[in-house]
N, C-alpha and C. Protein backbone atom coordinates (compact mmCIF):
# COMPACT_ATOMS: atom_id res chain seq x y z
N MET A 1 -9.54 13.33 9.79
CA MET A 1 -9.96 11.82 8.87
C MET A 1 -9.38 10.94 9.51
N THR A 2 -10.09 9.78 9.52
CA THR A 2 -9.93 8.39 10.48
C THR A 2 -9.73 7.30 9.40
N PHE A 3 -9.11 6.30 9.97
CA PHE A 3 -8.66 5.33 8.77
C PHE A 3 -9.78 4.92 7.81
N ASP A 4 -11.16 4.72 8.55
CA ASP A 4 -12.22 4.33 7.46
C ASP A 4 -12.44 5.18 6.58
N GLU A 5 -12.14 6.83 6.91
CA GLU A 5 -12.40 7.80 5.63
C GLU A 5 -11.31 8.10 4.64
N ALA A 6 -10.21 7.21 4.99
CA ALA A 6 -9.27 6.98 3.96
C ALA A 6 -9.32 5.95 3.12
N SER A 7 -10.27 5.46 3.13
CA SER A 7 -10.61 4.26 2.00
C SER A 7 -9.41 3.08 2.10
N MET A 8 -9.09 2.76 2.95
CA MET A 8 -8.01 1.78 3.11
C MET A 8 -8.68 0.58 2.68
N PRO A 9 -8.16 -0.65 2.16
CA PRO A 9 -8.67 -2.05 1.79
C PRO A 9 -8.55 -2.24 3.12
N GLU A 10 -9.71 -3.48 3.54
CA GLU A 10 -9.77 -4.19 4.75
C GLU A 10 -8.77 -4.73 5.01
N TYR A 11 -7.95 -5.56 4.27
CA TYR A 11 -6.73 -6.28 4.56
C TYR A 11 -5.59 -5.33 5.30
N ILE A 12 -5.76 -4.04 4.82
CA ILE A 12 -4.93 -3.22 5.42
C ILE A 12 -4.97 -2.70 6.49
N LEU A 13 -6.39 -1.96 6.83
CA LEU A 13 -7.07 -1.64 7.70
C LEU A 13 -7.12 -2.14 9.08
N SER A 14 -7.40 -3.74 9.06
CA SER A 14 -7.35 -4.62 9.83
C SER A 14 -6.10 -4.67 10.58
N GLU A 15 -5.21 -4.82 10.00
CA GLU A 15 -3.25 -4.68 10.39
C GLU A 15 -3.25 -3.63 11.37
N VAL A 16 -3.54 -2.43 10.59
CA VAL A 16 -3.40 -1.38 11.28
C VAL A 16 -3.94 -0.99 12.86
N LEU A 17 -5.18 -1.49 12.53
CA LEU A 17 -6.47 -1.37 13.83
C LEU A 17 -5.64 -2.26 15.00
N LYS A 18 -5.09 -3.67 14.65
CA LYS A 18 -4.32 -4.59 15.16
C LYS A 18 -3.21 -3.93 16.07
N GLN A 19 -2.50 -3.39 15.28
CA GLN A 19 -1.36 -2.66 16.09
C GLN A 19 -1.70 -1.44 16.96
N GLY A 20 -3.05 -1.02 17.06
CA GLY A 20 -3.14 -0.21 17.91
C GLY A 20 -3.22 1.18 17.61
N PHE A 21 -3.39 1.72 16.23
CA PHE A 21 -3.03 2.66 15.76
C PHE A 21 -4.82 3.13 15.75
N ASP A 22 -5.43 4.71 16.47
CA ASP A 22 -6.90 4.58 16.66
C ASP A 22 -6.99 5.98 15.42
N LYS A 23 -5.73 6.74 14.96
CA LYS A 23 -6.26 7.66 13.66
C LYS A 23 -5.03 7.86 13.26
N PRO A 24 -5.02 8.24 12.36
CA PRO A 24 -3.86 8.88 11.38
C PRO A 24 -3.17 9.94 11.93
N THR A 25 -2.01 10.26 11.86
CA THR A 25 -1.58 11.43 12.12
C THR A 25 -1.59 12.34 11.10
N PRO A 26 -1.37 13.53 11.29
CA PRO A 26 -1.54 14.68 10.12
C PRO A 26 -0.97 14.69 9.10
N ILE A 27 0.31 14.15 8.92
CA ILE A 27 1.09 14.03 7.70
C ILE A 27 0.53 12.70 7.05
N GLN A 28 -0.08 11.87 7.49
CA GLN A 28 -0.77 10.71 7.03
C GLN A 28 -2.53 11.08 6.43
N SER A 29 -3.16 11.84 7.47
CA SER A 29 -4.12 12.60 6.63
C SER A 29 -3.98 13.45 5.79
N GLN A 30 -3.09 14.21 5.59
CA GLN A 30 -2.76 15.18 4.25
C GLN A 30 -2.09 14.28 3.32
N GLY A 31 -1.11 13.44 3.13
CA GLY A 31 -0.80 12.38 2.45
C GLY A 31 -0.97 11.56 1.69
N TRP A 32 -1.94 10.84 2.40
CA TRP A 32 -2.64 9.64 1.60
C TRP A 32 -3.54 9.98 0.87
N PRO A 33 -4.46 11.10 0.45
CA PRO A 33 -5.56 11.67 -0.53
C PRO A 33 -4.60 11.58 -1.72
N MET A 34 -3.46 12.09 -1.59
CA MET A 34 -2.53 12.44 -2.71
C MET A 34 -1.94 11.46 -3.13
N ALA A 35 -1.18 10.69 -2.49
CA ALA A 35 -0.71 9.35 -2.94
C ALA A 35 -2.06 8.36 -3.29
N LEU A 36 -2.85 8.26 -2.87
CA LEU A 36 -3.69 7.01 -3.35
C LEU A 36 -4.04 7.29 -4.72
N LYS A 37 -4.15 9.02 -4.69
CA LYS A 37 -4.99 9.21 -6.45
C LYS A 37 -3.30 9.00 -7.36
N GLY A 38 -2.39 8.54 -6.86
CA GLY A 38 -1.22 8.69 -7.89
C GLY A 38 -0.38 10.08 -8.14
N LYS A 39 -0.72 11.13 -7.22
CA LYS A 39 0.07 12.22 -7.22
C LYS A 39 1.33 12.56 -6.63
N ASN A 40 2.13 12.92 -7.11
CA ASN A 40 3.65 13.60 -6.40
C ASN A 40 3.12 14.41 -5.63
N MET A 41 4.28 14.50 -4.52
CA MET A 41 3.92 15.03 -3.26
C MET A 41 5.18 15.05 -2.41
N VAL A 42 5.76 16.18 -1.63
CA VAL A 42 6.47 16.46 -0.71
C VAL A 42 5.67 16.45 0.64
N GLY A 43 6.32 15.80 1.38
CA GLY A 43 5.63 15.66 2.73
C GLY A 43 6.96 16.39 3.95
N ILE A 44 6.66 16.98 4.66
CA ILE A 44 7.66 17.26 5.58
C ILE A 44 6.95 17.50 6.96
N SER A 45 7.88 16.44 7.86
CA SER A 45 7.20 16.24 9.40
C SER A 45 8.30 15.77 10.13
N ALA A 46 8.08 15.88 11.36
CA ALA A 46 9.24 15.61 12.27
C ALA A 46 9.48 14.18 12.47
N THR A 47 10.55 13.60 12.90
CA THR A 47 10.71 12.58 12.82
C THR A 47 10.02 11.75 14.17
N GLY A 48 9.30 10.61 13.71
CA GLY A 48 8.53 10.11 14.34
C GLY A 48 7.06 10.34 14.53
N SER A 49 6.72 11.16 13.15
CA SER A 49 5.18 11.57 12.79
C SER A 49 4.36 10.66 12.11
N GLY A 50 5.41 9.73 11.51
CA GLY A 50 4.46 8.88 10.65
C GLY A 50 4.28 8.86 9.04
N LYS A 51 5.49 9.23 8.49
CA LYS A 51 5.96 9.70 7.34
C LYS A 51 6.06 8.68 6.89
N THR A 52 6.53 7.45 7.46
CA THR A 52 7.01 6.36 6.42
C THR A 52 5.46 5.14 6.09
N LEU A 53 4.84 5.24 7.14
CA LEU A 53 3.50 4.92 6.63
C LEU A 53 2.48 5.92 5.87
N ALA A 54 2.76 6.92 5.69
CA ALA A 54 2.19 8.44 4.89
C ALA A 54 2.59 7.66 3.58
N PHE A 55 3.29 7.10 3.04
CA PHE A 55 4.01 6.59 1.58
C PHE A 55 3.64 5.49 1.62
N LEU A 56 4.04 4.58 2.75
CA LEU A 56 4.26 2.72 2.75
C LEU A 56 2.54 2.01 2.57
N LEU A 57 1.72 2.60 3.22
CA LEU A 57 0.54 1.91 3.31
C LEU A 57 0.04 2.25 1.86
N PRO A 58 -0.30 3.47 1.15
CA PRO A 58 -0.40 3.75 -0.51
C PRO A 58 0.24 2.88 -1.40
N ALA A 59 1.60 2.80 -1.09
CA ALA A 59 2.39 2.00 -2.09
C ALA A 59 2.17 0.33 -1.87
N MET A 60 1.68 -0.03 -0.62
CA MET A 60 1.25 -1.45 -0.40
C MET A 60 0.10 -1.56 -1.29
N ILE A 61 -0.88 -0.53 -1.12
CA ILE A 61 -2.25 -0.59 -2.23
C ILE A 61 -2.06 -0.91 -3.40
N HIS A 62 -1.17 -0.10 -3.82
CA HIS A 62 -0.91 -0.01 -5.20
C HIS A 62 0.10 -1.54 -6.27
N ILE A 63 0.86 -1.74 -5.05
CA ILE A 63 1.39 -2.82 -5.49
C ILE A 63 0.66 -4.02 -5.57
N ASN A 64 -0.20 -4.03 -4.39
CA ASN A 64 -1.17 -5.50 -4.41
C ASN A 64 -2.05 -5.36 -5.39
N ALA A 65 -2.52 -3.94 -6.05
CA ALA A 65 -3.45 -4.03 -7.51
C ALA A 65 -2.87 -4.49 -8.24
N GLN A 66 -1.18 -4.06 -8.50
CA GLN A 66 -0.49 -4.57 -9.80
C GLN A 66 -0.71 -5.81 -10.14
N VAL A 67 -0.53 -6.62 -8.77
CA VAL A 67 -0.44 -8.00 -8.68
C VAL A 67 -1.44 -8.53 -9.33
N ARG A 68 -2.84 -8.20 -8.86
CA ARG A 68 -4.20 -8.45 -8.98
C ARG A 68 -4.46 -8.46 -10.36
N ASP A 69 -4.05 -7.32 -10.99
CA ASP A 69 -4.64 -6.87 -12.49
C ASP A 69 -3.75 -7.80 -13.13
N PHE A 70 -2.65 -8.17 -12.91
CA PHE A 70 -1.47 -9.19 -13.50
C PHE A 70 -2.12 -10.44 -13.73
N LEU A 71 -2.28 -10.94 -12.53
CA LEU A 71 -3.09 -12.18 -12.70
C LEU A 71 -4.63 -12.09 -12.90
N LEU A 72 -5.26 -11.48 -13.21
CA LEU A 72 -6.70 -11.43 -13.95
C LEU A 72 -6.34 -11.18 -14.98
N PHE A 73 -5.37 -10.67 -16.02
CA PHE A 73 -4.92 -10.47 -16.76
C PHE A 73 -4.71 -11.67 -17.94
N PHE A 74 -3.98 -12.31 -17.12
CA PHE A 74 -3.67 -13.59 -17.73
C PHE A 74 -4.39 -14.69 -17.15
N GLY A 75 -5.18 -14.79 -16.34
CA GLY A 75 -6.31 -15.49 -16.00
C GLY A 75 -5.30 -16.54 -14.87
N LYS A 76 -6.18 -17.77 -14.70
CA LYS A 76 -5.57 -18.52 -13.73
C LYS A 76 -3.95 -19.38 -14.35
N LEU A 77 -3.47 -19.12 -13.18
CA LEU A 77 -1.95 -19.70 -13.71
C LEU A 77 -1.80 -21.06 -13.15
N ASP A 78 -1.00 -21.99 -13.42
CA ASP A 78 -0.82 -23.50 -12.71
C ASP A 78 0.16 -22.84 -11.65
N LEU A 79 0.64 -23.80 -10.30
CA LEU A 79 1.02 -23.57 -9.71
C LEU A 79 2.60 -23.01 -9.54
N LEU A 80 3.29 -23.79 -10.67
CA LEU A 80 4.68 -23.47 -11.32
C LEU A 80 4.82 -22.46 -11.78
N SER A 81 3.87 -21.65 -12.97
CA SER A 81 3.77 -20.44 -13.43
C SER A 81 3.94 -19.16 -12.02
N PHE A 82 2.99 -19.63 -11.42
CA PHE A 82 2.90 -18.73 -10.25
C PHE A 82 3.98 -18.50 -9.70
N LYS A 83 4.53 -19.34 -9.06
CA LYS A 83 5.87 -19.50 -8.29
C LYS A 83 6.66 -18.47 -9.28
N CYS A 84 6.82 -18.92 -10.09
CA CYS A 84 7.90 -18.25 -10.83
C CYS A 84 7.81 -16.71 -11.27
N PHE A 85 6.34 -16.10 -11.35
CA PHE A 85 6.12 -15.16 -11.25
C PHE A 85 6.38 -14.32 -10.10
N VAL A 86 5.62 -15.09 -8.70
CA VAL A 86 6.33 -14.50 -7.28
C VAL A 86 7.57 -14.02 -7.49
N ARG A 87 8.51 -15.25 -7.88
CA ARG A 87 10.09 -14.90 -7.73
C ARG A 87 10.26 -13.56 -8.56
N LEU A 88 10.06 -13.67 -9.97
CA LEU A 88 10.46 -12.54 -10.68
C LEU A 88 9.79 -11.24 -9.77
N PHE A 89 8.95 -11.11 -9.58
CA PHE A 89 7.97 -9.88 -9.01
C PHE A 89 9.08 -9.57 -7.98
N SER A 90 9.19 -10.76 -6.79
CA SER A 90 9.91 -10.25 -5.69
C SER A 90 11.27 -9.45 -5.98
N ALA A 91 11.80 -10.13 -6.97
CA ALA A 91 13.42 -9.92 -7.27
C ALA A 91 13.21 -8.37 -7.85
N SER A 92 12.52 -8.11 -8.60
CA SER A 92 12.52 -7.14 -9.31
C SER A 92 12.43 -5.60 -8.62
N HIS A 93 11.90 -5.78 -6.81
CA HIS A 93 11.63 -4.82 -6.22
C HIS A 93 12.94 -4.42 -5.63
N PHE A 94 13.99 -5.13 -5.57
CA PHE A 94 15.24 -5.04 -5.19
C PHE A 94 16.38 -4.73 -6.06
N LEU A 95 16.02 -4.33 -7.49
CA LEU A 95 16.77 -3.76 -8.34
C LEU A 95 16.77 -2.28 -8.28
């Protein structure tokens, strides 16, 4: 599997390629399809094998989609409302 075959959004794919990664590791290739479908999974792999990116990239895609859906649902927000939303959304990730 390549990064293109993983169907990563362009904003993530471009950053991954900038970092010099040429292809996903085996744990990423096997984990991404499950994670992107929202399925639970257990991945066991050696230290340094890419487990963090195996769950982190699908998580970032999911989080970004939630923010986008939220903003589309409520329409255009004025700047003050948007700043309040960003602070609330950011703070909720640390609870």
